[in-house]
Amino acid sequence: MRPDMISGFSEDFFDVLRAEAPWERIPNTPRSECFMAVDTALTYSYGNDNQRRTRVYVAKPMHPVARALMDRINGELGCAYNVCVGNLYDNEHDHLGWHADDSPEQDAAHPIAVVSFGAERFIWVKPRGAKGDVPLEDRFLLTVGSLFVMPPGFQDTMLHRIPKHDRPCGPRLSLTYRKLDRAVGR
């Protein structure tokens, strides 16, 4: 599982998305986030605290750059993505802890695609329940324009994270494309 590269997209997309996407900094969350969808009636739940979802996101309209990327990835991968979960990391301290993208509204038979812009950061993966250090071969460098695809079933058996960076780095954003098949509570 290595990141592929998406060609034809400019580093300028980082500046546009950073300035214009509907980013929100949630208290006690070490990054900014946004949830965009083609159908703004869709909702997305995140987190799990004692079998209860900790946050429900209401979709904002999808930014044109995020939509263009989604349409291209849908065509290249033969997928039907309809939402984008964005994460914006301002510096080396912003991160995302161990988790699985396993929200009940998500189509589990569909892959998840992550596109990265800005500073290079690693994504680490490990089997659920694994203890100890993550081997180097399970740490993947996400560069500008990289496309990291998590296949169907990945969320059932694996966890992933974006760790804090070990040295100063600039900002990074990721656009995570998913297929939701229903809204929370429907």
N, C-alpha and C. Protein backbone atom coordinates (compact mmCIF):
# COMPACT_ATOMS: atom_id res chain seq x y z
N MET A 1 0.86 -1.17 0.00
CA MET A 1 0.00 0.00 0.00
C MET A 1 0.91 1.23 0.00
N ARG A 2 1.10 1.80 -1.15
CA ARG A 2 1.91 3.00 -1.28
C ARG A 2 1.04 4.11 -1.85
N PRO A 3 1.30 5.33 -1.47
CA PRO A 3 0.54 6.44 -2.07
C PRO A 3 0.88 6.57 -3.55
N ASP A 4 -0.13 6.79 -4.38
CA ASP A 4 0.06 7.11 -5.78
C ASP A 4 0.09 8.62 -5.91
N MET A 5 0.42 9.10 -7.08
CA MET A 5 0.42 10.54 -7.31
C MET A 5 -0.75 10.89 -8.23
N ILE A 6 -1.35 12.02 -7.97
CA ILE A 6 -2.40 12.55 -8.83
C ILE A 6 -1.73 13.63 -9.65
N SER A 7 -1.77 13.53 -10.95
CA SER A 7 -1.09 14.52 -11.78
C SER A 7 -2.07 15.60 -12.23
N GLY A 8 -1.50 16.72 -12.64
CA GLY A 8 -2.31 17.78 -13.22
C GLY A 8 -2.96 18.71 -12.22
N PHE A 9 -2.67 18.54 -10.95
CA PHE A 9 -3.21 19.45 -9.96
C PHE A 9 -2.08 20.25 -9.36
N SER A 10 -2.31 21.50 -9.16
CA SER A 10 -1.27 22.44 -8.80
C SER A 10 -1.14 22.60 -7.29
N GLU A 11 0.05 23.00 -6.87
CA GLU A 11 0.25 23.34 -5.46
C GLU A 11 -0.58 24.55 -5.07
N ASP A 12 -1.02 25.33 -6.06
CA ASP A 12 -1.90 26.47 -5.78
C ASP A 12 -3.20 26.01 -5.12
N PHE A 13 -3.58 24.76 -5.35
CA PHE A 13 -4.82 24.24 -4.75
C PHE A 13 -4.74 24.33 -3.23
N PHE A 14 -3.54 24.13 -2.68
CA PHE A 14 -3.37 24.24 -1.25
C PHE A 14 -3.80 25.63 -0.76
N ASP A 15 -3.27 26.67 -1.41
CA ASP A 15 -3.58 28.04 -1.00
C ASP A 15 -5.07 28.35 -1.15
N VAL A 16 -5.65 27.92 -2.25
CA VAL A 16 -7.08 28.17 -2.49
C VAL A 16 -7.92 27.45 -1.45
N LEU A 17 -7.67 26.17 -1.23
CA LEU A 17 -8.46 25.41 -0.27
C LEU A 17 -8.25 25.90 1.15
N ARG A 18 -7.03 26.24 1.49
CA ARG A 18 -6.76 26.74 2.85
C ARG A 18 -7.54 28.03 3.11
N ALA A 19 -7.62 28.89 2.11
CA ALA A 19 -8.29 30.17 2.28
C ALA A 19 -9.81 30.08 2.15
N GLU A 20 -10.31 29.16 1.33
CA GLU A 20 -11.72 29.21 0.97
C GLU A 20 -12.59 28.06 1.46
N ALA A 21 -12.01 26.93 1.79
CA ALA A 21 -12.84 25.81 2.28
C ALA A 21 -13.42 26.17 3.64
N PRO A 22 -14.54 25.58 4.03
CA PRO A 22 -15.21 25.95 5.29
C PRO A 22 -14.57 25.30 6.53
N TRP A 23 -13.31 25.66 6.80
CA TRP A 23 -12.57 25.08 7.93
C TRP A 23 -13.18 25.53 9.25
N GLU A 24 -13.12 24.63 10.21
CA GLU A 24 -13.63 24.90 11.55
C GLU A 24 -12.64 24.30 12.55
N ARG A 25 -12.26 25.09 13.53
CA ARG A 25 -11.36 24.58 14.58
C ARG A 25 -12.23 24.24 15.79
N ILE A 26 -12.40 22.97 16.07
CA ILE A 26 -13.21 22.49 17.18
C ILE A 26 -12.34 22.55 18.44
N PRO A 27 -12.87 23.06 19.56
CA PRO A 27 -12.07 23.08 20.80
C PRO A 27 -11.53 21.68 21.14
N ASN A 28 -10.30 21.65 21.60
CA ASN A 28 -9.61 20.41 22.00
C ASN A 28 -9.38 19.45 20.85
N THR A 29 -9.41 19.94 19.63
CA THR A 29 -9.09 19.12 18.45
C THR A 29 -7.81 19.67 17.84
N PRO A 30 -6.77 18.85 17.71
CA PRO A 30 -5.46 19.35 17.26
C PRO A 30 -5.33 19.49 15.74
N ARG A 31 -6.35 20.09 15.10
CA ARG A 31 -6.36 20.37 13.67
C ARG A 31 -7.67 21.09 13.36
N SER A 32 -7.77 21.66 12.19
CA SER A 32 -9.04 22.21 11.70
C SER A 32 -9.67 21.17 10.78
N GLU A 33 -10.99 21.23 10.67
CA GLU A 33 -11.72 20.22 9.90
C GLU A 33 -12.80 20.90 9.05
N CYS A 34 -13.24 20.20 8.02
CA CYS A 34 -14.43 20.62 7.29
C CYS A 34 -15.08 19.38 6.69
N PHE A 35 -16.38 19.46 6.52
CA PHE A 35 -17.15 18.38 5.92
C PHE A 35 -17.97 18.98 4.79
N MET A 36 -17.69 18.54 3.57
CA MET A 36 -18.35 19.07 2.38
C MET A 36 -19.00 17.92 1.63
N ALA A 37 -20.14 18.22 1.02
CA ALA A 37 -20.84 17.19 0.26
C ALA A 37 -21.56 17.80 -0.93
N VAL A 38 -21.81 16.96 -1.92
CA VAL A 38 -22.61 17.37 -3.06
C VAL A 38 -24.04 17.59 -2.58
N ASP A 39 -24.53 16.70 -1.74
CA ASP A 39 -25.87 16.80 -1.14
C ASP A 39 -25.70 17.30 0.30
N THR A 40 -26.02 18.56 0.56
CA THR A 40 -25.78 19.13 1.88
C THR A 40 -26.76 18.61 2.94
N ALA A 41 -27.68 17.74 2.56
CA ALA A 41 -28.55 17.10 3.56
C ALA A 41 -27.82 15.96 4.27
N LEU A 42 -26.67 15.54 3.74
CA LEU A 42 -25.92 14.45 4.35
C LEU A 42 -25.25 14.91 5.63
N THR A 43 -25.16 14.00 6.59
CA THR A 43 -24.44 14.24 7.83
C THR A 43 -23.44 13.10 8.01
N TYR A 44 -22.49 13.36 8.87
CA TYR A 44 -21.39 12.40 9.07
C TYR A 44 -21.05 12.40 10.56
N SER A 45 -20.95 11.22 11.15
CA SER A 45 -20.61 11.15 12.57
C SER A 45 -19.18 10.67 12.73
N TYR A 46 -18.53 11.18 13.78
CA TYR A 46 -17.12 10.88 14.00
C TYR A 46 -16.90 10.60 15.47
N GLY A 47 -15.92 9.77 15.75
CA GLY A 47 -15.53 9.49 17.13
C GLY A 47 -16.41 8.43 17.75
N ASN A 48 -15.88 7.84 18.78
CA ASN A 48 -16.62 6.80 19.47
C ASN A 48 -16.24 6.87 20.94
N ASP A 49 -17.21 7.22 21.75
CA ASP A 49 -16.98 7.33 23.19
C ASP A 49 -18.00 6.43 23.87
N ASN A 50 -17.57 5.23 24.24
CA ASN A 50 -18.47 4.29 24.92
C ASN A 50 -19.68 3.97 24.06
N GLN A 51 -19.43 3.59 22.79
CA GLN A 51 -20.47 3.21 21.84
C GLN A 51 -21.37 4.37 21.42
N ARG A 52 -20.92 5.61 21.63
CA ARG A 52 -21.70 6.79 21.25
C ARG A 52 -20.81 7.67 20.38
N ARG A 53 -21.34 8.12 19.25
CA ARG A 53 -20.59 9.01 18.37
C ARG A 53 -20.44 10.37 19.05
N THR A 54 -19.24 10.93 19.00
CA THR A 54 -18.96 12.14 19.76
C THR A 54 -19.26 13.43 19.00
N ARG A 55 -19.38 13.37 17.70
CA ARG A 55 -19.65 14.58 16.93
C ARG A 55 -20.39 14.22 15.65
N VAL A 56 -21.38 15.03 15.30
CA VAL A 56 -22.09 14.89 14.04
C VAL A 56 -21.84 16.15 13.23
N TYR A 57 -21.34 15.98 12.02
CA TYR A 57 -21.05 17.07 11.12
C TYR A 57 -22.20 17.24 10.13
N VAL A 58 -22.56 18.47 9.86
CA VAL A 58 -23.56 18.80 8.84
C VAL A 58 -22.79 19.33 7.63
N ALA A 59 -23.13 18.81 6.47
CA ALA A 59 -22.37 19.14 5.26
C ALA A 59 -22.51 20.60 4.85
N LYS A 60 -21.39 21.14 4.40
CA LYS A 60 -21.36 22.43 3.73
C LYS A 60 -21.23 22.13 2.23
N PRO A 61 -21.60 23.09 1.36
CA PRO A 61 -21.44 22.84 -0.08
C PRO A 61 -19.98 22.56 -0.42
N MET A 62 -19.78 21.63 -1.36
CA MET A 62 -18.42 21.24 -1.72
C MET A 62 -17.73 22.36 -2.50
N HIS A 63 -16.53 22.70 -2.06
CA HIS A 63 -15.72 23.72 -2.74
C HIS A 63 -15.43 23.23 -4.17
N PRO A 64 -15.42 24.13 -5.17
CA PRO A 64 -15.18 23.70 -6.55
C PRO A 64 -13.88 22.94 -6.76
N VAL A 65 -12.81 23.30 -6.07
CA VAL A 65 -11.55 22.57 -6.22
C VAL A 65 -11.69 21.15 -5.65
N ALA A 66 -12.31 21.03 -4.48
CA ALA A 66 -12.53 19.70 -3.89
C ALA A 66 -13.43 18.87 -4.80
N ARG A 67 -14.42 19.50 -5.42
CA ARG A 67 -15.33 18.80 -6.34
C ARG A 67 -14.59 18.33 -7.59
N ALA A 68 -13.73 19.18 -8.15
CA ALA A 68 -12.97 18.78 -9.33
C ALA A 68 -12.06 17.59 -9.03
N LEU A 69 -11.42 17.62 -7.86
CA LEU A 69 -10.58 16.47 -7.45
C LEU A 69 -11.43 15.22 -7.29
N MET A 70 -12.58 15.35 -6.64
CA MET A 70 -13.46 14.20 -6.43
C MET A 70 -13.91 13.61 -7.77
N ASP A 71 -14.33 14.48 -8.69
CA ASP A 71 -14.79 13.98 -9.99
C ASP A 71 -13.67 13.24 -10.72
N ARG A 72 -12.47 13.78 -10.62
CA ARG A 72 -11.33 13.13 -11.29
C ARG A 72 -11.02 11.76 -10.65
N ILE A 73 -11.00 11.72 -9.32
CA ILE A 73 -10.72 10.45 -8.63
C ILE A 73 -11.83 9.45 -8.91
N ASN A 74 -13.08 9.89 -8.88
CA ASN A 74 -14.19 8.98 -9.22
C ASN A 74 -13.98 8.36 -10.60
N GLY A 75 -13.56 9.18 -11.57
CA GLY A 75 -13.33 8.67 -12.92
C GLY A 75 -12.15 7.73 -13.00
N GLU A 76 -11.04 8.10 -12.35
CA GLU A 76 -9.83 7.28 -12.42
C GLU A 76 -9.96 5.97 -11.65
N LEU A 77 -10.67 5.99 -10.52
CA LEU A 77 -10.78 4.78 -9.69
C LEU A 77 -12.09 4.03 -9.90
N GLY A 78 -13.00 4.60 -10.69
CA GLY A 78 -14.30 3.97 -10.89
C GLY A 78 -15.12 3.96 -9.61
N CYS A 79 -15.03 5.04 -8.86
CA CYS A 79 -15.73 5.13 -7.57
C CYS A 79 -16.92 6.07 -7.66
N ALA A 80 -17.64 6.18 -6.55
CA ALA A 80 -18.82 7.05 -6.49
C ALA A 80 -18.76 7.91 -5.23
N TYR A 81 -17.60 8.55 -4.98
CA TYR A 81 -17.48 9.41 -3.80
C TYR A 81 -18.50 10.53 -3.88
N ASN A 82 -19.06 10.91 -2.73
CA ASN A 82 -20.04 11.99 -2.70
C ASN A 82 -19.80 12.98 -1.56
N VAL A 83 -18.78 12.73 -0.73
CA VAL A 83 -18.46 13.66 0.36
C VAL A 83 -16.94 13.79 0.49
N CYS A 84 -16.56 14.87 1.17
CA CYS A 84 -15.14 15.12 1.43
C CYS A 84 -14.99 15.58 2.88
N VAL A 85 -14.15 14.88 3.62
CA VAL A 85 -13.80 15.28 4.98
C VAL A 85 -12.39 15.85 4.88
N GLY A 86 -12.25 17.13 5.23
CA GLY A 86 -10.96 17.78 5.14
C GLY A 86 -10.32 17.95 6.51
N ASN A 87 -9.01 17.85 6.54
CA ASN A 87 -8.23 18.11 7.75
C ASN A 87 -7.13 19.09 7.39
N LEU A 88 -6.97 20.12 8.21
CA LEU A 88 -5.94 21.13 8.01
C LEU A 88 -5.03 21.14 9.23
N TYR A 89 -3.75 20.86 9.01
CA TYR A 89 -2.75 20.81 10.06
C TYR A 89 -1.89 22.06 9.92
N ASP A 90 -1.94 22.97 10.90
CA ASP A 90 -1.22 24.24 10.80
C ASP A 90 0.28 24.10 10.95
N ASN A 91 0.72 23.11 11.73
CA ASN A 91 2.16 22.97 12.01
C ASN A 91 2.43 21.54 12.49
N GLU A 92 3.66 21.34 12.94
CA GLU A 92 4.09 19.99 13.36
C GLU A 92 3.34 19.47 14.59
N HIS A 93 2.69 20.33 15.33
CA HIS A 93 1.98 19.91 16.54
C HIS A 93 0.58 19.37 16.24
N ASP A 94 -0.03 19.83 15.14
CA ASP A 94 -1.36 19.34 14.77
C ASP A 94 -1.24 17.89 14.32
N HIS A 95 -2.23 17.09 14.67
CA HIS A 95 -2.16 15.66 14.37
C HIS A 95 -3.56 15.04 14.39
N LEU A 96 -3.60 13.76 14.12
CA LEU A 96 -4.82 12.96 14.16
C LEU A 96 -4.45 11.63 14.80
N GLY A 97 -5.10 11.29 15.89
CA GLY A 97 -4.77 10.07 16.63
C GLY A 97 -5.24 8.80 15.94
N TRP A 98 -4.90 7.66 16.54
CA TRP A 98 -5.29 6.36 16.00
C TRP A 98 -6.81 6.28 15.90
N HIS A 99 -7.30 5.84 14.75
CA HIS A 99 -8.73 5.70 14.53
C HIS A 99 -8.99 4.88 13.27
N ALA A 100 -10.24 4.52 13.08
CA ALA A 100 -10.72 3.93 11.83
C ALA A 100 -11.85 4.82 11.33
N ASP A 101 -11.94 4.97 10.03
CA ASP A 101 -13.04 5.74 9.43
C ASP A 101 -14.22 4.79 9.27
N ASP A 102 -14.94 4.60 10.37
CA ASP A 102 -15.97 3.55 10.41
C ASP A 102 -17.35 4.08 10.78
N SER A 103 -17.66 5.29 10.33
CA SER A 103 -18.95 5.88 10.65
C SER A 103 -20.08 5.05 10.03
N PRO A 104 -21.19 4.91 10.73
CA PRO A 104 -22.27 4.05 10.24
C PRO A 104 -22.91 4.54 8.94
N GLU A 105 -22.80 5.84 8.63
CA GLU A 105 -23.40 6.34 7.39
C GLU A 105 -22.56 6.02 6.16
N GLN A 106 -21.35 5.57 6.37
CA GLN A 106 -20.40 5.33 5.29
C GLN A 106 -20.65 3.98 4.62
N ASP A 107 -20.47 3.94 3.32
CA ASP A 107 -20.57 2.70 2.56
C ASP A 107 -19.27 1.92 2.78
N ALA A 108 -19.31 0.88 3.59
CA ALA A 108 -18.11 0.12 3.96
C ALA A 108 -17.55 -0.69 2.80
N ALA A 109 -18.33 -0.86 1.74
CA ALA A 109 -17.87 -1.62 0.57
C ALA A 109 -17.16 -0.71 -0.43
N HIS A 110 -16.94 0.52 -0.07
CA HIS A 110 -16.33 1.51 -0.95
C HIS A 110 -14.98 1.93 -0.37
N PRO A 111 -13.94 2.10 -1.19
CA PRO A 111 -12.65 2.55 -0.66
C PRO A 111 -12.71 4.01 -0.19
N ILE A 112 -11.72 4.41 0.58
CA ILE A 112 -11.56 5.80 1.01
C ILE A 112 -10.28 6.32 0.37
N ALA A 113 -10.36 7.51 -0.21
CA ALA A 113 -9.21 8.10 -0.90
C ALA A 113 -8.78 9.38 -0.19
N VAL A 114 -7.48 9.53 0.05
CA VAL A 114 -6.93 10.70 0.73
C VAL A 114 -5.95 11.40 -0.21
N VAL A 115 -6.21 12.69 -0.47
CA VAL A 115 -5.32 13.51 -1.30
C VAL A 115 -4.66 14.53 -0.38
N SER A 116 -3.34 14.70 -0.50
CA SER A 116 -2.58 15.59 0.38
C SER A 116 -1.98 16.77 -0.37
N PHE A 117 -1.96 17.92 0.32
CA PHE A 117 -1.32 19.14 -0.20
C PHE A 117 -0.57 19.80 0.94
N GLY A 118 0.47 20.56 0.60
CA GLY A 118 1.24 21.28 1.61
C GLY A 118 2.42 20.46 2.10
N ALA A 119 2.77 20.67 3.36
CA ALA A 119 3.94 20.00 3.95
C ALA A 119 3.79 18.48 3.90
N GLU A 120 4.91 17.81 3.71
CA GLU A 120 4.92 16.35 3.75
C GLU A 120 4.71 15.87 5.17
N ARG A 121 3.84 14.89 5.33
CA ARG A 121 3.61 14.26 6.63
C ARG A 121 3.45 12.77 6.39
N PHE A 122 3.59 12.00 7.47
CA PHE A 122 3.41 10.56 7.39
C PHE A 122 2.01 10.16 7.82
N ILE A 123 1.52 9.08 7.24
CA ILE A 123 0.36 8.37 7.76
C ILE A 123 0.88 7.02 8.21
N TRP A 124 0.53 6.63 9.43
CA TRP A 124 0.92 5.33 9.97
C TRP A 124 -0.31 4.44 9.99
N VAL A 125 -0.10 3.16 9.73
CA VAL A 125 -1.19 2.19 9.80
C VAL A 125 -0.75 1.01 10.66
N LYS A 126 -1.73 0.39 11.32
CA LYS A 126 -1.44 -0.81 12.11
C LYS A 126 -2.72 -1.63 12.24
N PRO A 127 -2.58 -2.94 12.44
CA PRO A 127 -3.77 -3.76 12.69
C PRO A 127 -4.42 -3.36 14.01
N ARG A 128 -5.73 -3.45 14.05
CA ARG A 128 -6.44 -3.20 15.31
C ARG A 128 -5.89 -4.12 16.39
N GLY A 129 -5.65 -3.59 17.55
CA GLY A 129 -5.15 -4.38 18.67
C GLY A 129 -3.64 -4.55 18.70
N ALA A 130 -2.93 -4.09 17.67
CA ALA A 130 -1.47 -4.23 17.64
C ALA A 130 -0.84 -3.36 18.71
N LYS A 131 0.19 -3.88 19.33
CA LYS A 131 0.94 -3.16 20.37
C LYS A 131 2.35 -2.89 19.87
N GLY A 132 3.02 -1.94 20.50
CA GLY A 132 4.42 -1.67 20.18
C GLY A 132 4.59 -0.67 19.06
N ASP A 133 5.84 -0.54 18.62
CA ASP A 133 6.19 0.41 17.57
C ASP A 133 5.58 0.01 16.23
N VAL A 134 5.31 1.01 15.43
CA VAL A 134 4.82 0.77 14.07
C VAL A 134 6.04 0.57 13.17
N PRO A 135 6.13 -0.56 12.48
CA PRO A 135 7.29 -0.81 11.60
C PRO A 135 7.40 0.27 10.52
N LEU A 136 8.61 0.53 10.06
CA LEU A 136 8.84 1.55 9.04
C LEU A 136 8.03 1.29 7.78
N GLU A 137 7.82 0.02 7.43
CA GLU A 137 7.07 -0.28 6.21
C GLU A 137 5.57 0.03 6.33
N ASP A 138 5.12 0.37 7.53
CA ASP A 138 3.73 0.76 7.75
C ASP A 138 3.59 2.26 8.01
N ARG A 139 4.63 3.02 7.61
CA ARG A 139 4.63 4.49 7.71
C ARG A 139 4.80 5.01 6.28
N PHE A 140 3.82 5.73 5.80
CA PHE A 140 3.80 6.16 4.40
C PHE A 140 3.89 7.67 4.32
N LEU A 141 4.84 8.17 3.55
CA LEU A 141 5.03 9.60 3.37
C LEU A 141 3.99 10.13 2.39
N LEU A 142 3.24 11.13 2.82
CA LEU A 142 2.23 11.77 1.98
C LEU A 142 2.83 13.08 1.47
N THR A 143 3.09 13.14 0.19
CA THR A 143 3.69 14.31 -0.44
C THR A 143 2.61 15.12 -1.16
N VAL A 144 2.98 16.26 -1.70
CA VAL A 144 2.04 17.10 -2.44
C VAL A 144 1.45 16.32 -3.61
N GLY A 145 0.14 16.23 -3.65
CA GLY A 145 -0.54 15.52 -4.73
C GLY A 145 -0.61 14.02 -4.56
N SER A 146 -0.17 13.51 -3.40
CA SER A 146 -0.24 12.05 -3.22
C SER A 146 -1.68 11.61 -3.00
N LEU A 147 -1.97 10.40 -3.44
CA LEU A 147 -3.28 9.79 -3.31
C LEU A 147 -3.09 8.48 -2.55
N PHE A 148 -3.64 8.40 -1.35
CA PHE A 148 -3.54 7.22 -0.49
C PHE A 148 -4.92 6.60 -0.44
N VAL A 149 -5.04 5.36 -0.91
CA VAL A 149 -6.35 4.70 -0.97
C VAL A 149 -6.40 3.58 0.07
N MET A 150 -7.43 3.63 0.90
CA MET A 150 -7.69 2.57 1.87
C MET A 150 -8.82 1.72 1.29
N PRO A 151 -8.54 0.46 0.96
CA PRO A 151 -9.53 -0.38 0.27
C PRO A 151 -10.69 -0.78 1.17
N PRO A 152 -11.77 -1.29 0.56
CA PRO A 152 -12.88 -1.80 1.36
C PRO A 152 -12.37 -2.84 2.36
N GLY A 153 -12.89 -2.81 3.58
CA GLY A 153 -12.48 -3.74 4.62
C GLY A 153 -11.33 -3.23 5.48
N PHE A 154 -10.58 -2.25 4.99
CA PHE A 154 -9.43 -1.70 5.72
C PHE A 154 -9.86 -1.19 7.09
N GLN A 155 -10.98 -0.49 7.16
CA GLN A 155 -11.43 0.12 8.42
C GLN A 155 -11.86 -0.93 9.44
N ASP A 156 -12.20 -2.13 8.97
CA ASP A 156 -12.60 -3.21 9.88
C ASP A 156 -11.41 -3.84 10.60
N THR A 157 -10.24 -3.81 9.96
CA THR A 157 -9.09 -4.53 10.50
C THR A 157 -7.91 -3.64 10.89
N MET A 158 -7.92 -2.39 10.41
CA MET A 158 -6.75 -1.52 10.58
C MET A 158 -7.14 -0.20 11.24
N LEU A 159 -6.13 0.44 11.85
CA LEU A 159 -6.23 1.80 12.36
C LEU A 159 -5.18 2.64 11.63
N HIS A 160 -5.38 3.95 11.60
CA HIS A 160 -4.39 4.84 11.00
C HIS A 160 -4.35 6.15 11.77
N ARG A 161 -3.26 6.89 11.55
CA ARG A 161 -3.08 8.17 12.24
C ARG A 161 -2.13 9.06 11.45
N ILE A 162 -2.21 10.35 11.73
CA ILE A 162 -1.22 11.32 11.26
C ILE A 162 -0.53 11.80 12.53
N PRO A 163 0.68 11.31 12.82
CA PRO A 163 1.34 11.68 14.07
C PRO A 163 1.87 13.11 14.02
N LYS A 164 2.18 13.64 15.20
CA LYS A 164 2.88 14.91 15.26
C LYS A 164 4.18 14.75 14.50
N HIS A 165 4.65 15.82 13.90
CA HIS A 165 5.90 15.77 13.16
C HIS A 165 7.05 15.95 14.14
N ASP A 166 8.17 15.31 13.88
CA ASP A 166 9.30 15.34 14.80
C ASP A 166 10.18 16.58 14.65
N ARG A 167 9.83 17.46 13.71
CA ARG A 167 10.58 18.71 13.53
C ARG A 167 9.62 19.76 12.95
N PRO A 168 9.98 21.04 13.01
CA PRO A 168 9.08 22.07 12.48
C PRO A 168 8.72 21.80 11.02
N CYS A 169 7.48 22.05 10.70
CA CYS A 169 7.03 21.90 9.31
C CYS A 169 5.91 22.90 9.05
N GLY A 170 5.69 23.16 7.80
CA GLY A 170 4.62 24.07 7.40
C GLY A 170 3.26 23.39 7.45
N PRO A 171 2.23 24.09 7.03
CA PRO A 171 0.88 23.54 7.06
C PRO A 171 0.65 22.48 5.99
N ARG A 172 -0.28 21.60 6.27
CA ARG A 172 -0.68 20.52 5.36
C ARG A 172 -2.18 20.40 5.42
N LEU A 173 -2.78 20.04 4.29
CA LEU A 173 -4.19 19.70 4.32
C LEU A 173 -4.41 18.41 3.57
N SER A 174 -5.43 17.69 4.00
CA SER A 174 -5.81 16.46 3.31
C SER A 174 -7.30 16.53 3.02
N LEU A 175 -7.66 15.98 1.88
CA LEU A 175 -9.05 15.83 1.50
C LEU A 175 -9.32 14.34 1.45
N THR A 176 -10.24 13.89 2.29
CA THR A 176 -10.55 12.47 2.39
C THR A 176 -11.92 12.24 1.77
N TYR A 177 -11.93 11.51 0.67
CA TYR A 177 -13.17 11.26 -0.06
C TYR A 177 -13.77 9.94 0.37
N ARG A 178 -15.08 9.99 0.57
CA ARG A 178 -15.82 8.82 1.03
C ARG A 178 -17.16 8.76 0.31
N LYS A 179 -17.79 7.63 0.40
CA LYS A 179 -19.16 7.49 -0.11
C LYS A 179 -20.07 7.27 1.09
N LEU A 180 -20.96 8.23 1.32
CA LEU A 180 -21.98 8.05 2.36
C LEU A 180 -23.25 7.58 1.68
N ASP A 181 -23.92 6.64 2.32
CA ASP A 181 -25.16 6.14 1.72
C ASP A 181 -26.39 6.53 2.49
N ARG A 182 -26.21 7.27 3.60
CA ARG A 182 -27.36 7.76 4.35
C ARG A 182 -26.88 8.82 5.33
N ALA A 183 -27.82 9.57 5.85
CA ALA A 183 -27.50 10.55 6.89
C ALA A 183 -27.70 9.91 8.25
N VAL A 184 -27.09 10.49 9.28
CA VAL A 184 -27.27 10.00 10.64
C VAL A 184 -28.74 10.00 10.97
N GLY A 185 -29.21 8.91 11.56
CA GLY A 185 -30.59 8.83 12.02
C GLY A 185 -31.59 8.49 10.95
N ARG A 186 -31.17 8.24 9.73
CA ARG A 186 -32.12 7.88 8.67
C ARG A 186 -32.19 6.40 8.51
